[in-house]
Amino acid sequence: MEEGLRENSRSFTFSLVNEDHTLANAVRFTLNQNPTVEL
């Protein structure tokens, strides 16, 4: 995983290298379970 820009303590950008949409969907699903996460 490559770390991206960290604009402030409430936002974070990261990149999963050589991974496809299957892993991304699992991450998105998990993050959506948390009501404090905004996508």
N, C-alpha and C. Protein backbone atom coordinates (compact mmCIF):
# COMPACT_ATOMS: atom_id res chain seq x y z
N MET A 1 0.84 -1.16 0.00
CA MET A 1 0.00 0.00 0.00
C MET A 1 0.89 1.23 0.00
N GLU A 2 0.54 2.18 -0.82
CA GLU A 2 1.26 3.45 -0.86
C GLU A 2 0.45 4.50 -0.13
N GLU A 3 1.12 5.25 0.72
CA GLU A 3 0.45 6.31 1.44
C GLU A 3 0.40 7.55 0.57
N GLY A 4 -0.74 8.19 0.54
CA GLY A 4 -0.92 9.40 -0.25
C GLY A 4 -0.85 10.64 0.62
N LEU A 5 -1.50 11.67 0.15
CA LEU A 5 -1.52 12.94 0.87
C LEU A 5 -2.37 12.84 2.12
N ARG A 6 -1.89 13.47 3.16
CA ARG A 6 -2.67 13.58 4.39
C ARG A 6 -2.95 15.06 4.59
N GLU A 7 -4.15 15.48 4.18
CA GLU A 7 -4.50 16.90 4.20
C GLU A 7 -4.78 17.40 5.61
N ASN A 8 -5.43 16.58 6.40
CA ASN A 8 -5.69 16.91 7.79
C ASN A 8 -5.92 15.62 8.56
N SER A 9 -6.23 15.73 9.83
CA SER A 9 -6.39 14.52 10.64
C SER A 9 -7.68 13.77 10.35
N ARG A 10 -8.59 14.36 9.54
CA ARG A 10 -9.87 13.71 9.26
C ARG A 10 -9.95 13.12 7.86
N SER A 11 -8.92 13.31 7.05
CA SER A 11 -8.96 12.71 5.71
C SER A 11 -7.61 12.06 5.40
N PHE A 12 -7.69 11.01 4.59
CA PHE A 12 -6.49 10.26 4.27
C PHE A 12 -6.68 9.61 2.91
N THR A 13 -5.67 9.65 2.08
CA THR A 13 -5.72 9.03 0.76
C THR A 13 -4.67 7.93 0.71
N PHE A 14 -5.06 6.76 0.20
CA PHE A 14 -4.10 5.68 0.05
C PHE A 14 -4.38 4.95 -1.25
N SER A 15 -3.38 4.24 -1.71
CA SER A 15 -3.48 3.52 -2.98
C SER A 15 -3.07 2.07 -2.77
N LEU A 16 -3.91 1.15 -3.22
CA LEU A 16 -3.59 -0.27 -3.16
C LEU A 16 -3.03 -0.67 -4.52
N VAL A 17 -1.76 -0.99 -4.58
CA VAL A 17 -1.07 -1.27 -5.83
C VAL A 17 -1.27 -2.74 -6.21
N ASN A 18 -1.54 -2.96 -7.48
CA ASN A 18 -1.72 -4.31 -8.04
C ASN A 18 -2.88 -5.08 -7.41
N GLU A 19 -3.92 -4.37 -7.00
CA GLU A 19 -5.13 -5.00 -6.48
C GLU A 19 -6.28 -4.63 -7.39
N ASP A 20 -7.29 -5.49 -7.44
CA ASP A 20 -8.40 -5.22 -8.34
C ASP A 20 -9.63 -4.75 -7.57
N HIS A 21 -10.73 -4.64 -8.27
CA HIS A 21 -11.95 -4.10 -7.68
C HIS A 21 -12.54 -5.00 -6.60
N THR A 22 -12.20 -6.28 -6.57
CA THR A 22 -12.74 -7.18 -5.55
C THR A 22 -12.28 -6.74 -4.16
N LEU A 23 -11.00 -6.47 -4.00
CA LEU A 23 -10.50 -5.99 -2.72
C LEU A 23 -11.08 -4.61 -2.41
N ALA A 24 -11.14 -3.76 -3.40
CA ALA A 24 -11.68 -2.41 -3.20
C ALA A 24 -13.13 -2.47 -2.73
N ASN A 25 -13.93 -3.37 -3.29
CA ASN A 25 -15.32 -3.51 -2.86
C ASN A 25 -15.40 -3.98 -1.41
N ALA A 26 -14.52 -4.87 -1.00
CA ALA A 26 -14.51 -5.34 0.38
C ALA A 26 -14.14 -4.21 1.34
N VAL A 27 -13.16 -3.41 0.95
CA VAL A 27 -12.76 -2.26 1.78
C VAL A 27 -13.91 -1.26 1.85
N ARG A 28 -14.53 -0.96 0.73
CA ARG A 28 -15.65 -0.01 0.70
C ARG A 28 -16.80 -0.50 1.57
N PHE A 29 -17.14 -1.78 1.46
CA PHE A 29 -18.21 -2.35 2.26
C PHE A 29 -17.92 -2.21 3.75
N THR A 30 -16.68 -2.54 4.14
CA THR A 30 -16.29 -2.45 5.55
C THR A 30 -16.35 -1.01 6.05
N LEU A 31 -15.84 -0.08 5.26
CA LEU A 31 -15.87 1.33 5.66
C LEU A 31 -17.29 1.85 5.77
N ASN A 32 -18.17 1.40 4.90
CA ASN A 32 -19.57 1.83 4.94
C ASN A 32 -20.31 1.33 6.18
N GLN A 33 -19.79 0.35 6.87
CA GLN A 33 -20.41 -0.15 8.09
C GLN A 33 -20.20 0.81 9.26
N ASN A 34 -19.23 1.70 9.14
CA ASN A 34 -18.92 2.66 10.19
C ASN A 34 -19.62 3.98 9.88
N PRO A 35 -20.55 4.43 10.73
CA PRO A 35 -21.31 5.66 10.44
C PRO A 35 -20.46 6.93 10.46
N THR A 36 -19.25 6.87 11.01
CA THR A 36 -18.42 8.07 11.05
C THR A 36 -17.56 8.24 9.80
N VAL A 37 -17.58 7.24 8.90
CA VAL A 37 -16.78 7.29 7.68
C VAL A 37 -17.59 7.92 6.56
N GLU A 38 -16.98 8.88 5.85
CA GLU A 38 -17.60 9.50 4.69
C GLU A 38 -16.77 9.17 3.46
N LEU A 39 -17.42 8.62 2.43
CA LEU A 39 -16.72 8.30 1.19
C LEU A 39 -17.11 9.28 0.11
